Amino acid sequence: MNSRSFRDRNARAALFDGIEEGGIRASSSYSSHEIDEQENERAIDGLQDRVNLLKRLSGDIHGEVESHNHMLDGMVWK
């Protein structure tokens, strides 16, 4: 057997490693639960960023409202 066919056979074996008759073995490097947990962590991080942005934005709006109310209180209505 030449080295190229040996490499090709090893590459195919690596590609299809873990596939058994009837499906894929459950012993992959990451379980479905671990992948779900990683996706959840990324989603939580994204939500935290959005919440922080909304919190800053609402604080800025509050400051603007306070400023405008103070300006309106200082006006003399005739």
PDB file of N, CA and C in Angstrom:
ATOM      1  N   MET A   1       0.853  -1.175   0.000  1.00  0.00           N
ATOM      2  CA  MET A   1       0.000   0.000   0.000  1.00  0.00           C
ATOM      3  C   MET A   1       0.898   1.237   0.000  1.00  0.00           C
ATOM      4  N   ASN A   2       0.607   2.171  -0.925  1.00  0.00           N
ATOM      5  CA  ASN A   2       1.441   3.366  -0.957  1.00  0.00           C
ATOM      6  C   ASN A   2       0.993   4.352   0.116  1.00  0.00           C
ATOM      7  N   SER A   3       1.817   5.354   0.395  1.00  0.00           N
ATOM      8  CA  SER A   3       1.541   6.259   1.515  1.00  0.00           C
ATOM      9  C   SER A   3       0.329   7.143   1.258  1.00  0.00           C
ATOM     10  N   ARG A   4       0.063   7.479  -0.035  1.00  0.00           N
ATOM     11  CA  ARG A   4      -1.093   8.339  -0.334  1.00  0.00           C
ATOM     12  C   ARG A   4      -2.397   7.622  -0.011  1.00  0.00           C
ATOM     13  N   SER A   5      -2.546   6.390  -0.414  1.00  0.00           N
ATOM     14  CA  SER A   5      -3.788   5.671  -0.125  1.00  0.00           C
ATOM     15  C   SER A   5      -3.934   5.429   1.373  1.00  0.00           C
ATOM     16  N   PHE A   6      -2.816   5.245   2.057  1.00  0.00           N
ATOM     17  CA  PHE A   6      -2.868   5.092   3.511  1.00  0.00           C
ATOM     18  C   PHE A   6      -3.364   6.384   4.165  1.00  0.00           C
ATOM     19  N   ARG A   7      -2.844   7.557   3.691  1.00  0.00           N
ATOM     20  CA  ARG A   7      -3.297   8.852   4.216  1.00  0.00           C
ATOM     21  C   ARG A   7      -4.763   9.074   3.905  1.00  0.00           C
ATOM     22  N   ASP A   8      -5.177   8.740   2.672  1.00  0.00           N
ATOM     23  CA  ASP A   8      -6.574   8.913   2.290  1.00  0.00           C
ATOM     24  C   ASP A   8      -7.487   8.066   3.173  1.00  0.00           C
ATOM     25  N   ARG A   9      -7.072   6.831   3.413  1.00  0.00           N
ATOM     26  CA  ARG A   9      -7.872   5.949   4.267  1.00  0.00           C
ATOM     27  C   ARG A   9      -7.941   6.498   5.687  1.00  0.00           C
ATOM     28  N   ASN A  10      -6.831   7.033   6.198  1.00  0.00           N
ATOM     29  CA  ASN A  10      -6.825   7.626   7.531  1.00  0.00           C
ATOM     30  C   ASN A  10      -7.702   8.872   7.580  1.00  0.00           C
ATOM     31  N   ALA A  11      -7.669   9.670   6.513  1.00  0.00           N
ATOM     32  CA  ALA A  11      -8.507  10.868   6.460  1.00  0.00           C
ATOM     33  C   ALA A  11      -9.982  10.486   6.461  1.00  0.00           C
ATOM     34  N   ARG A  12     -10.342   9.476   5.672  1.00  0.00           N
ATOM     35  CA  ARG A  12     -11.746   9.016   5.660  1.00  0.00           C
ATOM     36  C   ARG A  12     -12.137   8.471   7.024  1.00  0.00           C
ATOM     37  N   ALA A  13     -11.242   7.736   7.643  1.00  0.00           N
ATOM     38  CA  ALA A  13     -11.535   7.172   8.952  1.00  0.00           C
ATOM     39  C   ALA A  13     -11.748   8.285   9.970  1.00  0.00           C
ATOM     40  N   ALA A  14     -10.915   9.340   9.894  1.00  0.00           N
ATOM     41  CA  ALA A  14     -11.068  10.456  10.818  1.00  0.00           C
ATOM     42  C   ALA A  14     -12.381  11.196  10.542  1.00  0.00           C
ATOM     43  N   LEU A  15     -12.732  11.332   9.263  1.00  0.00           N
ATOM     44  CA  LEU A  15     -13.949  12.032   8.889  1.00  0.00           C
ATOM     45  C   LEU A  15     -15.184  11.297   9.389  1.00  0.00           C
ATOM     46  N   PHE A  16     -15.166   9.996   9.250  1.00  0.00           N
ATOM     47  CA  PHE A  16     -16.340   9.215   9.618  1.00  0.00           C
ATOM     48  C   PHE A  16     -16.208   8.554  10.982  1.00  0.00           C
ATOM     49  N   ASP A  17     -15.193   8.916  11.730  1.00  0.00           N
ATOM     50  CA  ASP A  17     -15.022   8.367  13.071  1.00  0.00           C
ATOM     51  C   ASP A  17     -16.203   8.767  13.934  1.00  0.00           C
ATOM     52  N   GLY A  18     -16.769   7.823  14.622  1.00  0.00           N
ATOM     53  CA  GLY A  18     -17.894   8.118  15.490  1.00  0.00           C
ATOM     54  C   GLY A  18     -19.222   7.771  14.861  1.00  0.00           C
ATOM     55  N   ILE A  19     -19.219   7.434  13.567  1.00  0.00           N
ATOM     56  CA  ILE A  19     -20.476   7.052  12.934  1.00  0.00           C
ATOM     57  C   ILE A  19     -20.565   5.540  12.959  1.00  0.00           C
ATOM     58  N   GLU A  20     -21.610   5.067  13.528  1.00  0.00           N
ATOM     59  CA  GLU A  20     -21.852   3.633  13.574  1.00  0.00           C
ATOM     60  C   GLU A  20     -23.083   3.329  12.746  1.00  0.00           C
ATOM     61  N   GLU A  21     -23.315   2.105  12.545  1.00  0.00           N
ATOM     62  CA  GLU A  21     -24.521   1.710  11.844  1.00  0.00           C
ATOM     63  C   GLU A  21     -25.719   2.187  12.639  1.00  0.00           C
ATOM     64  N   GLY A  22     -26.582   2.943  12.000  1.00  0.00           N
ATOM     65  CA  GLY A  22     -27.773   3.432  12.681  1.00  0.00           C
ATOM     66  C   GLY A  22     -27.625   4.820  13.261  1.00  0.00           C
ATOM     67  N   GLY A  23     -26.491   5.438  13.134  1.00  0.00           N
ATOM     68  CA  GLY A  23     -26.386   6.797  13.643  1.00  0.00           C
ATOM     69  C   GLY A  23     -25.012   7.148  14.139  1.00  0.00           C
ATOM     70  N   ILE A  24     -24.939   8.219  14.883  1.00  0.00           N
ATOM     71  CA  ILE A  24     -23.684   8.739  15.403  1.00  0.00           C
ATOM     72  C   ILE A  24     -23.569   8.349  16.868  1.00  0.00           C
ATOM     73  N   ARG A  25     -22.388   7.968  17.266  1.00  0.00           N
ATOM     74  CA  ARG A  25     -22.161   7.617  18.667  1.00  0.00           C
ATOM     75  C   ARG A  25     -22.333   8.841  19.542  1.00  0.00           C
ATOM     76  N   ALA A  26     -22.762   8.647  20.750  1.00  0.00           N
ATOM     77  CA  ALA A  26     -22.973   9.748  21.693  1.00  0.00           C
ATOM     78  C   ALA A  26     -21.671  10.246  22.298  1.00  0.00           C
ATOM     79  N   SER A  27     -20.576   9.553  22.063  1.00  0.00           N
ATOM     80  CA  SER A  27     -19.318   9.933  22.703  1.00  0.00           C
ATOM     81  C   SER A  27     -18.520  10.917  21.848  1.00  0.00           C
ATOM     82  N   SER A  28     -19.153  12.009  21.437  1.00  0.00           N
ATOM     83  CA  SER A  28     -18.425  13.048  20.710  1.00  0.00           C
ATOM     84  C   SER A  28     -17.708  13.927  21.723  1.00  0.00           C
ATOM     85  N   SER A  29     -16.884  14.863  21.222  1.00  0.00           N
ATOM     86  CA  SER A  29     -16.093  15.682  22.141  1.00  0.00           C
ATOM     87  C   SER A  29     -16.970  16.599  22.990  1.00  0.00           C
ATOM     88  N   TYR A  30     -18.107  17.042  22.452  1.00  0.00           N
ATOM     89  CA  TYR A  30     -19.042  17.862  23.212  1.00  0.00           C
ATOM     90  C   TYR A  30     -20.407  17.195  23.193  1.00  0.00           C
ATOM     91  N   SER A  31     -21.020  17.133  24.342  1.00  0.00           N
ATOM     92  CA  SER A  31     -22.368  16.593  24.376  1.00  0.00           C
ATOM     93  C   SER A  31     -23.348  17.682  23.967  1.00  0.00           C
ATOM     94  N   SER A  32     -24.545  17.285  23.637  1.00  0.00           N
ATOM     95  CA  SER A  32     -25.594  18.229  23.251  1.00  0.00           C
ATOM     96  C   SER A  32     -25.853  19.207  24.392  1.00  0.00           C
ATOM     97  N   HIS A  33     -25.802  18.724  25.612  1.00  0.00           N
ATOM     98  CA  HIS A  33     -26.040  19.580  26.783  1.00  0.00           C
ATOM     99  C   HIS A  33     -24.967  20.660  26.894  1.00  0.00           C
ATOM    100  N   GLU A  34     -23.695  20.284  26.667  1.00  0.00           N
ATOM    101  CA  GLU A  34     -22.604  21.253  26.751  1.00  0.00           C
ATOM    102  C   GLU A  34     -22.736  22.328  25.667  1.00  0.00           C
ATOM    103  N   ILE A  35     -23.136  21.915  24.474  1.00  0.00           N
ATOM    104  CA  ILE A  35     -23.318  22.871  23.381  1.00  0.00           C
ATOM    105  C   ILE A  35     -24.464  23.814  23.712  1.00  0.00           C
ATOM    106  N   ASP A  36     -25.568  23.283  24.233  1.00  0.00           N
ATOM    107  CA  ASP A  36     -26.692  24.119  24.629  1.00  0.00           C
ATOM    108  C   ASP A  36     -26.273  25.115  25.701  1.00  0.00           C
ATOM    109  N   GLU A  37     -25.467  24.677  26.656  1.00  0.00           N
ATOM    110  CA  GLU A  37     -24.994  25.565  27.718  1.00  0.00           C
ATOM    111  C   GLU A  37     -24.139  26.687  27.146  1.00  0.00           C
ATOM    112  N   GLN A  38     -23.284  26.375  26.188  1.00  0.00           N
ATOM    113  CA  GLN A  38     -22.444  27.401  25.573  1.00  0.00           C
ATOM    114  C   GLN A  38     -23.303  28.418  24.816  1.00  0.00           C
ATOM    115  N   GLU A  39     -24.305  27.934  24.090  1.00  0.00           N
ATOM    116  CA  GLU A  39     -25.202  28.839  23.377  1.00  0.00           C
ATOM    117  C   GLU A  39     -25.971  29.718  24.356  1.00  0.00           C
ATOM    118  N   ASN A  40     -26.405  29.137  25.460  1.00  0.00           N
ATOM    119  CA  ASN A  40     -27.119  29.907  26.483  1.00  0.00           C
ATOM    120  C   ASN A  40     -26.225  30.979  27.087  1.00  0.00           C
ATOM    121  N   GLU A  41     -24.973  30.654  27.350  1.00  0.00           N
ATOM    122  CA  GLU A  41     -24.034  31.629  27.916  1.00  0.00           C
ATOM    123  C   GLU A  41     -23.837  32.798  26.957  1.00  0.00           C
ATOM    124  N   ARG A  42     -23.688  32.503  25.656  1.00  0.00           N
ATOM    125  CA  ARG A  42     -23.539  33.582  24.670  1.00  0.00           C
ATOM    126  C   ARG A  42     -24.793  34.442  24.606  1.00  0.00           C
ATOM    127  N   ALA A  43     -25.970  33.800  24.675  1.00  0.00           N
ATOM    128  CA  ALA A  43     -27.232  34.545  24.645  1.00  0.00           C
ATOM    129  C   ALA A  43     -27.366  35.426  25.881  1.00  0.00           C
ATOM    130  N   ILE A  44     -26.973  34.913  27.041  1.00  0.00           N
ATOM    131  CA  ILE A  44     -27.036  35.692  28.284  1.00  0.00           C
ATOM    132  C   ILE A  44     -26.107  36.898  28.191  1.00  0.00           C
ATOM    133  N   ASP A  45     -24.897  36.695  27.662  1.00  0.00           N
ATOM    134  CA  ASP A  45     -23.955  37.815  27.500  1.00  0.00           C
ATOM    135  C   ASP A  45     -24.544  38.884  26.590  1.00  0.00           C
ATOM    136  N   GLY A  46     -25.183  38.462  25.503  1.00  0.00           N
ATOM    137  CA  GLY A  46     -25.808  39.410  24.590  1.00  0.00           C
ATOM    138  C   GLY A  46     -26.942  40.173  25.248  1.00  0.00           C
ATOM    139  N   LEU A  47     -27.737  39.475  26.049  1.00  0.00           N
ATOM    140  CA  LEU A  47     -28.832  40.132  26.768  1.00  0.00           C
ATOM    141  C   LEU A  47     -28.305  41.119  27.804  1.00  0.00           C
ATOM    142  N   GLN A  48     -27.231  40.750  28.481  1.00  0.00           N
ATOM    143  CA  GLN A  48     -26.638  41.660  29.466  1.00  0.00           C
ATOM    144  C   GLN A  48     -26.163  42.942  28.796  1.00  0.00           C
ATOM    145  N   ASP A  49     -25.560  42.808  27.630  1.00  0.00           N
ATOM    146  CA  ASP A  49     -25.110  43.998  26.898  1.00  0.00           C
ATOM    147  C   ASP A  49     -26.297  44.889  26.529  1.00  0.00           C
ATOM    148  N   ARG A  50     -27.380  44.279  26.075  1.00  0.00           N
ATOM    149  CA  ARG A  50     -28.568  45.050  25.694  1.00  0.00           C
ATOM    150  C   ARG A  50     -29.212  45.719  26.897  1.00  0.00           C
ATOM    151  N   VAL A  51     -29.292  44.998  28.007  1.00  0.00           N
ATOM    152  CA  VAL A  51     -29.874  45.569  29.222  1.00  0.00           C
ATOM    153  C   VAL A  51     -29.046  46.758  29.690  1.00  0.00           C
ATOM    154  N   ASN A  52     -27.722  46.619  29.674  1.00  0.00           N
ATOM    155  CA  ASN A  52     -26.853  47.728  30.080  1.00  0.00           C
ATOM    156  C   ASN A  52     -27.031  48.935  29.170  1.00  0.00           C
ATOM    157  N   LEU A  53     -27.165  48.695  27.876  1.00  0.00           N
ATOM    158  CA  LEU A  53     -27.383  49.786  26.933  1.00  0.00           C
ATOM    159  C   LEU A  53     -28.710  50.482  27.211  1.00  0.00           C
ATOM    160  N   LEU A  54     -29.772  49.698  27.423  1.00  0.00           N
ATOM    161  CA  LEU A  54     -31.083  50.283  27.723  1.00  0.00           C
ATOM    162  C   LEU A  54     -31.070  51.038  29.042  1.00  0.00           C
ATOM    163  N   LYS A  55     -30.323  50.536  30.016  1.00  0.00           N
ATOM    164  CA  LYS A  55     -30.223  51.212  31.309  1.00  0.00           C
ATOM    165  C   LYS A  55     -29.551  52.579  31.154  1.00  0.00           C
ATOM    166  N   ARG A  56     -28.453  52.626  30.387  1.00  0.00           N
ATOM    167  CA  ARG A  56     -27.783  53.905  30.143  1.00  0.00           C
ATOM    168  C   ARG A  56     -28.690  54.852  29.357  1.00  0.00           C
ATOM    169  N   LEU A  57     -29.377  54.314  28.364  1.00  0.00           N
ATOM    170  CA  LEU A  57     -30.262  55.134  27.550  1.00  0.00           C
ATOM    171  C   LEU A  57     -31.408  55.705  28.378  1.00  0.00           C
ATOM    172  N   SER A  58     -31.997  54.883  29.244  1.00  0.00           N
ATOM    173  CA  SER A  58     -33.089  55.381  30.088  1.00  0.00           C
ATOM    174  C   SER A  58     -32.577  56.417  31.083  1.00  0.00           C
ATOM    175  N   GLY A  59     -31.353  56.258  31.575  1.00  0.00           N
ATOM    176  CA  GLY A  59     -30.751  57.265  32.453  1.00  0.00           C
ATOM    177  C   GLY A  59     -30.540  58.580  31.724  1.00  0.00           C
ATOM    178  N   ASP A  60     -30.096  58.499  30.471  1.00  0.00           N
ATOM    179  CA  ASP A  60     -29.917  59.715  29.666  1.00  0.00           C
ATOM    180  C   ASP A  60     -31.261  60.404  29.423  1.00  0.00           C
ATOM    181  N   ILE A  61     -32.287  59.622  29.131  1.00  0.00           N
ATOM    182  CA  ILE A  61     -33.629  60.191  28.911  1.00  0.00           C
ATOM    183  C   ILE A  61     -34.118  60.865  30.185  1.00  0.00           C
ATOM    184  N   HIS A  62     -33.900  60.233  31.327  1.00  0.00           N
ATOM    185  CA  HIS A  62     -34.300  60.802  32.608  1.00  0.00           C
ATOM    186  C   HIS A  62     -33.610  62.159  32.825  1.00  0.00           C
ATOM    187  N   GLY A  63     -32.317  62.205  32.539  1.00  0.00           N
ATOM    188  CA  GLY A  63     -31.576  63.459  32.672  1.00  0.00           C
ATOM    189  C   GLY A  63     -32.133  64.547  31.766  1.00  0.00           C
ATOM    190  N   GLU A  64     -32.481  64.200  30.542  1.00  0.00           N
ATOM    191  CA  GLU A  64     -33.068  65.172  29.614  1.00  0.00           C
ATOM    192  C   GLU A  64     -34.417  65.680  30.118  1.00  0.00           C
ATOM    193  N   VAL A  65     -35.237  64.768  30.620  1.00  0.00           N
ATOM    194  CA  VAL A  65     -36.554  65.161  31.137  1.00  0.00           C
ATOM    195  C   VAL A  65     -36.394  66.095  32.326  1.00  0.00           C
ATOM    196  N   GLU A  66     -35.478  65.750  33.228  1.00  0.00           N
ATOM    197  CA  GLU A  66     -35.228  66.615  34.389  1.00  0.00           C
ATOM    198  C   GLU A  66     -34.767  68.002  33.935  1.00  0.00           C
ATOM    199  N   SER A  67     -33.881  68.042  32.967  1.00  0.00           N
ATOM    200  CA  SER A  67     -33.381  69.318  32.452  1.00  0.00           C
ATOM    201  C   SER A  67     -34.499  70.140  31.822  1.00  0.00           C
ATOM    202  N   HIS A  68     -35.321  69.502  31.050  1.00  0.00           N
ATOM    203  CA  HIS A  68     -36.431  70.204  30.398  1.00  0.00           C
ATOM    204  C   HIS A  68     -37.464  70.676  31.425  1.00  0.00           C
ATOM    205  N   ASN A  69     -37.739  69.845  32.408  1.00  0.00           N
ATOM    206  CA  ASN A  69     -38.686  70.254  33.456  1.00  0.00           C
ATOM    207  C   ASN A  69     -38.152  71.465  34.221  1.00  0.00           C
ATOM    208  N   HIS A  70     -36.854  71.455  34.515  1.00  0.00           N
ATOM    209  CA  HIS A  70     -36.247  72.595  35.211  1.00  0.00           C
ATOM    210  C   HIS A  70     -36.348  73.861  34.351  1.00  0.00           C
ATOM    211  N   MET A  71     -36.098  73.710  33.060  1.00  0.00           N
ATOM    212  CA  MET A  71     -36.195  74.862  32.155  1.00  0.00           C
ATOM    213  C   MET A  71     -37.643  75.359  32.098  1.00  0.00           C
ATOM    214  N   LEU A  72     -38.602  74.451  32.016  1.00  0.00           N
ATOM    215  CA  LEU A  72     -40.019  74.855  31.966  1.00  0.00           C
ATOM    216  C   LEU A  72     -40.457  75.514  33.263  1.00  0.00           C
ATOM    217  N   ASP A  73     -39.934  75.008  34.398  1.00  0.00           N
ATOM    218  CA  ASP A  73     -40.284  75.614  35.690  1.00  0.00           C
ATOM    219  C   ASP A  73     -39.787  77.059  35.785  1.00  0.00           C
ATOM    220  N   GLY A  74     -38.697  77.367  35.077  1.00  0.00           N
ATOM    221  CA  GLY A  74     -38.124  78.699  35.128  1.00  0.00           C
ATOM    222  C   GLY A  74     -38.792  79.686  34.192  1.00  0.00           C
ATOM    223  N   MET A  75     -39.648  79.199  33.327  1.00  0.00           N
ATOM    224  CA  MET A  75     -40.330  80.109  32.394  1.00  0.00           C
ATOM    225  C   MET A  75     -41.464  80.836  33.082  1.00  0.00           C
ATOM    226  N   VAL A  76     -41.677  82.054  32.661  1.00  0.00           N
ATOM    227  CA  VAL A  76     -42.776  82.849  33.201  1.00  0.00           C
ATOM    228  C   VAL A  76     -43.909  82.799  32.182  1.00  0.00           C
ATOM    229  N   TRP A  77     -45.055  82.299  32.626  1.00  0.00           N
ATOM    230  CA  TRP A  77     -46.231  82.208  31.743  1.00  0.00           C
ATOM    231  C   TRP A  77     -47.053  83.461  31.871  1.00  0.00           C
ATOM    232  N   LYS A  78     -47.397  84.079  30.770  1.00  0.00           N
ATOM    233  CA  LYS A  78     -48.199  85.309  30.798  1.00  0.00           C
ATOM    234  C   LYS A  78     -49.574  85.054  30.261  1.00  0.00           C
TER     235      LYS A  78
END
